[in-house]
Amino acid sequence: MTDVCLEQQVTKLTFAVLLIDDYSRTNPIGNVNVILKNREEKAIKNLSQYYLFLDLKLPNGSYILQAKSDYYLDKDLEFAVDEGNIAVVEDNVKKPIDPKNPLILMYLKPDTSYPLLNEATVIRGMLYDDSKNPIDGAIIKVLGADMDINTTTSEKGEFVLYFLPSIQKGIGINDKGCVEVNGNSKISLKVENIDKTIDLNEIKEFKTISIQIIGGKLYEDVY
C-alpha cells in the first residue's frame, strides 16, 4: 500500500461577527449579508450563525463592516487595525477586542418592513428636509429614557423606534394604557440637526403610529 501525504492547511481566525436582532435579541430573520466595505475578502457563515473572517492581512488603518439585510436598517461599524490589533470605534473611542476571542457584535435595528413588531409599541417614520428630500443617516433619540432608545434613518429617510417595557429600563405603561418614559406620557424625540424637539401625542400600548418629519415639522397618524 502506498503512503499518501496530505498537505495540511491551517487557517487563522482574524475576527468573527455575530449579528443580533435589536428587537428580539435573537438571530436576525431573513437574508443578511456581512461584508468589509470596499474590500474583496468574504466572510464564511458557520452553523452557529457567526460570520468568520479568516486570514485577513489588513494594513494599519480604519475599515467598515457593513450588514445589509431584508428587514433591518443597513448597519455600518467602524474598526481600526494597528499592528494586527483590532479595535471597534464607537463615538470616536477605540475599544480593543480580545485577540484570544476576536468577536465583534453588531445589533441590527428593524426597518419599516420588519414583520415581528406585534408585541411592542412602535413609531414608524420618515424624515425629510424642507423640500421633502429624504435625510439619510440622521440619528433620532427618545429623550428622557434611562437607556438609549435610538435609531438611524436609512437612505430613504425611514426609521423605526419601539418601546418594550419588559426589557427597556424606564419605559412603562400608565393607567390609561399609554407608554411612559420615566413617568412622562409625552414622547419627545431629538432629531440630529433639528434644534427643537419633536413632541408626540400619547401612544397606546401595542399601537403603531406612522409619522413624517418634514423640515422639522411633525405629521402623524395611527393605525
Protein backbone atom coordinates (compact mmCIF):
# COMPACT_ATOMS: atom_id res chain seq x y z
CA MET A 1 0.00 0.00 0.00
CA THR A 2 1.41 3.40 -0.99
CA ASP A 3 1.64 6.04 1.71
CA VAL A 4 -0.23 9.24 0.89
CA CYS A 5 0.85 12.52 2.41
CA LEU A 6 -1.90 15.10 2.56
CA GLU A 7 -0.93 18.75 2.79
CA GLN A 8 -2.29 20.30 5.97
CA GLN A 9 -3.73 23.77 5.58
CA VAL A 10 -4.09 25.95 8.66
CA THR A 11 -6.34 28.97 8.71
CA LYS A 12 -6.38 31.69 11.34
CA LEU A 13 -9.45 33.49 12.55
CA THR A 14 -8.92 37.23 12.20
CA PHE A 15 -12.27 38.05 13.79
CA ALA A 16 -15.85 36.79 13.97
CA VAL A 17 -19.05 38.82 13.67
CA LEU A 18 -22.26 37.95 15.49
CA LEU A 19 -25.43 39.73 14.37
CA ILE A 20 -28.18 40.36 16.92
CA ASP A 21 -31.74 41.47 16.22
CA ASP A 22 -32.08 44.59 18.39
CA TYR A 23 -35.80 43.92 18.89
CA SER A 24 -35.92 40.20 19.65
CA ARG A 25 -32.31 39.89 20.91
CA THR A 26 -32.01 36.69 18.89
CA ASN A 27 -30.61 35.84 15.46
CA PRO A 28 -31.81 38.12 12.65
CA ILE A 29 -34.57 36.97 10.34
CA GLY A 30 -34.42 36.93 6.54
CA ASN A 31 -31.35 37.23 4.36
CA VAL A 32 -28.36 39.09 5.80
CA ASN A 33 -25.03 39.78 4.16
CA VAL A 34 -21.91 40.92 6.02
CA ILE A 35 -19.05 42.46 4.07
CA LEU A 36 -15.92 44.51 4.53
CA LYS A 37 -16.78 47.69 2.69
CA ASN A 38 -14.58 48.36 -0.34
CA ARG A 39 -12.67 45.10 0.21
CA GLU A 40 -12.78 41.80 -1.67
CA GLU A 41 -12.44 39.47 1.35
CA LYS A 42 -15.57 37.45 2.12
CA ALA A 43 -16.93 36.13 5.40
CA ILE A 44 -17.83 32.47 5.94
CA LYS A 45 -21.05 31.90 7.89
CA ASN A 46 -20.89 28.84 10.14
CA LEU A 47 -23.75 26.77 11.58
CA SER A 48 -23.68 28.80 14.81
CA GLN A 49 -24.56 31.97 12.84
CA TYR A 50 -21.12 33.56 13.20
CA TYR A 51 -19.57 35.31 10.21
CA LEU A 52 -15.91 34.35 10.13
CA PHE A 53 -13.19 36.44 8.53
CA LEU A 54 -10.14 34.24 8.07
CA ASP A 55 -6.51 35.01 7.31
CA LEU A 56 -7.05 38.71 6.68
CA LYS A 57 -3.93 40.74 6.08
CA LEU A 58 -5.12 44.23 6.84
CA PRO A 59 -2.68 47.15 6.82
CA ASN A 60 -2.92 49.67 9.63
CA GLY A 61 -5.95 51.90 9.17
CA SER A 62 -9.71 52.15 9.51
CA TYR A 63 -12.24 49.77 7.99
CA ILE A 64 -16.03 49.47 7.77
CA LEU A 65 -18.03 46.32 8.45
CA GLN A 66 -21.38 46.51 6.72
CA ALA A 67 -24.50 44.41 7.24
CA LYS A 68 -27.24 44.56 4.60
CA SER A 69 -30.48 42.65 5.05
CA ASP A 70 -34.14 42.21 4.17
CA TYR A 71 -35.77 43.54 7.33
CA TYR A 72 -33.22 45.78 9.01
CA LEU A 73 -31.62 49.13 8.51
CA ASP A 74 -28.17 48.88 6.93
CA LYS A 75 -25.58 48.79 9.67
CA ASP A 76 -22.04 50.17 9.36
CA LEU A 77 -19.49 49.54 12.09
CA GLU A 78 -16.03 51.05 12.04
CA PHE A 79 -12.97 49.25 13.34
CA ALA A 80 -9.29 50.13 13.36
CA VAL A 81 -6.23 47.95 12.84
CA ASP A 82 -2.89 48.80 14.46
CA GLU A 83 -0.07 46.28 14.05
CA GLY A 84 -2.56 43.43 13.90
CA ASN A 85 -4.58 44.61 16.90
CA ILE A 86 -8.25 45.32 16.22
CA ALA A 87 -10.42 47.88 17.99
CA VAL A 88 -14.06 48.74 17.38
CA VAL A 89 -14.59 52.51 17.01
CA GLU A 90 -17.71 53.94 18.67
CA ASP A 91 -18.22 57.69 19.15
CA ASN A 92 -14.56 58.22 18.20
CA VAL A 93 -13.48 55.91 21.05
CA LYS A 94 -11.46 52.79 20.25
CA LYS A 95 -12.50 49.64 22.11
CA PRO A 96 -10.00 46.81 21.59
CA ILE A 97 -11.33 43.30 21.02
CA ASP A 98 -9.79 40.33 22.78
CA PRO A 99 -7.23 38.70 20.44
CA LYS A 100 -7.97 35.35 22.10
CA ASN A 101 -11.68 35.77 21.42
CA PRO A 102 -11.89 38.20 18.49
CA LEU A 103 -15.64 38.71 18.43
CA ILE A 104 -17.50 41.77 17.12
CA LEU A 105 -21.20 42.20 17.94
CA MET A 106 -23.48 44.08 15.56
CA TYR A 107 -27.03 44.98 16.60
CA LEU A 108 -29.47 45.32 13.71
CA LYS A 109 -32.43 47.67 14.08
CA PRO A 110 -35.68 46.77 12.27
CA ASP A 111 -36.73 48.83 9.28
CA THR A 112 -40.30 49.60 8.26
CA SER A 113 -40.76 46.17 6.61
CA TYR A 114 -39.94 44.18 9.77
CA PRO A 115 -42.86 41.76 10.39
CA LEU A 116 -42.49 40.88 14.08
CA LEU A 117 -43.27 44.14 15.89
CA ASN A 118 -46.54 42.80 17.31
CA GLU A 119 -45.54 42.91 20.98
CA ALA A 120 -44.20 46.45 21.01
CA THR A 121 -45.42 49.98 20.75
CA VAL A 122 -43.92 51.23 17.51
CA ILE A 123 -43.10 54.51 15.82
CA ARG A 124 -42.54 54.10 12.09
CA GLY A 125 -41.31 57.28 10.50
CA MET A 126 -39.89 59.17 7.55
CA LEU A 127 -37.52 62.10 7.84
CA TYR A 128 -37.41 64.76 5.09
CA ASP A 129 -35.87 68.16 4.59
CA ASP A 130 -37.89 71.28 3.64
CA SER A 131 -38.04 70.13 0.01
CA LYS A 132 -39.22 66.65 1.05
CA ASN A 133 -35.93 65.02 0.13
CA PRO A 134 -35.21 62.02 2.41
CA ILE A 135 -32.49 62.55 5.02
CA ASP A 136 -30.06 59.65 5.27
CA GLY A 137 -28.01 58.76 8.36
CA ALA A 138 -29.68 61.07 10.88
CA ILE A 139 -29.70 59.87 14.50
CA ILE A 140 -33.09 60.00 16.21
CA LYS A 141 -33.26 59.56 20.00
CA VAL A 142 -36.04 59.23 22.57
CA LEU A 143 -35.38 61.85 25.24
CA GLY A 144 -35.53 61.05 28.94
CA ALA A 145 -35.07 57.26 28.74
CA ASP A 146 -32.71 55.54 31.19
CA MET A 147 -31.23 53.50 28.36
CA ASP A 148 -30.52 54.57 24.80
CA ILE A 149 -33.57 54.22 22.57
CA ASN A 150 -32.39 55.47 19.23
CA THR A 151 -32.10 54.68 15.59
CA THR A 152 -30.58 55.99 12.37
CA THR A 153 -32.50 56.84 9.23
CA SER A 154 -32.00 54.79 6.09
CA GLU A 155 -31.06 56.27 2.72
CA LYS A 156 -34.82 56.60 2.08
CA GLY A 157 -35.24 58.56 5.33
CA GLU A 158 -37.02 55.65 7.04
CA PHE A 159 -36.70 54.88 10.73
CA VAL A 160 -38.32 52.68 13.39
CA LEU A 161 -38.43 53.18 17.17
CA TYR A 162 -40.07 50.71 19.54
CA PHE A 163 -40.91 50.54 23.22
CA LEU A 164 -40.69 47.30 25.21
CA PRO A 165 -41.49 47.88 28.90
CA SER A 166 -40.41 44.34 29.78
CA ILE A 167 -36.77 44.93 28.82
CA GLN A 168 -36.25 48.68 28.44
CA LYS A 169 -35.44 50.39 31.72
CA GLY A 170 -37.57 53.49 32.40
CA ILE A 171 -40.31 52.50 29.92
CA GLY A 172 -43.71 51.81 31.47
CA ILE A 173 -47.47 51.83 30.84
CA ASN A 174 -49.74 54.26 32.71
CA ASP A 175 -53.32 53.76 33.94
CA LYS A 176 -54.70 54.83 30.55
CA GLY A 177 -52.66 52.17 28.75
CA CYS A 178 -50.22 54.66 27.25
CA VAL A 179 -46.46 54.36 27.05
CA GLU A 180 -44.48 56.41 29.55
CA VAL A 181 -40.83 57.40 29.56
CA ASN A 182 -39.84 57.72 33.22
CA GLY A 183 -43.41 58.62 34.14
CA ASN A 184 -43.99 61.07 31.29
CA SER A 185 -46.55 60.02 28.66
CA LYS A 186 -45.40 62.73 26.25
CA ILE A 187 -42.83 61.13 23.96
CA SER A 188 -40.15 63.58 22.83
CA LEU A 189 -37.70 62.88 20.03
CA LYS A 190 -34.38 64.57 19.37
CA VAL A 191 -33.51 64.56 15.69
CA GLU A 192 -29.96 65.24 14.59
CA ASN A 193 -29.50 68.75 13.14
CA ILE A 194 -33.00 69.88 14.18
CA ASP A 195 -32.84 72.38 17.03
CA LYS A 196 -36.27 71.79 18.55
CA THR A 197 -37.60 68.54 19.97
CA ILE A 198 -40.37 66.61 18.22
CA ASP A 199 -43.19 66.02 20.71
CA LEU A 200 -45.71 63.24 20.07
CA ASN A 201 -49.21 62.67 21.39
CA GLU A 202 -49.79 59.85 23.87
CA ILE A 203 -49.22 56.42 22.32
CA LYS A 204 -51.35 53.45 23.38
CA GLU A 205 -49.53 50.22 24.21
CA PHE A 206 -49.16 47.85 21.23
CA LYS A 207 -50.24 50.56 18.78
CA THR A 208 -48.16 51.58 15.79
CA ILE A 209 -48.03 55.22 14.82
CA SER A 210 -46.81 56.46 11.48
CA ILE A 211 -45.13 59.85 11.40
CA GLN A 212 -43.41 62.13 8.94
CA ILE A 213 -41.00 64.84 9.96
CA ILE A 214 -40.72 67.38 7.15
CA GLY A 215 -38.42 70.34 7.64
CA GLY A 216 -38.66 69.88 11.40
CA LYS A 217 -42.49 69.75 11.43
CA LEU A 218 -44.37 66.69 12.65
CA TYR A 219 -47.21 64.93 10.84
CA GLU A 220 -48.62 61.79 12.45
CA ASP A 221 -51.26 59.10 12.10
CA VAL A 222 -52.17 55.94 14.00
CA TYR A 223 -53.03 52.51 12.62
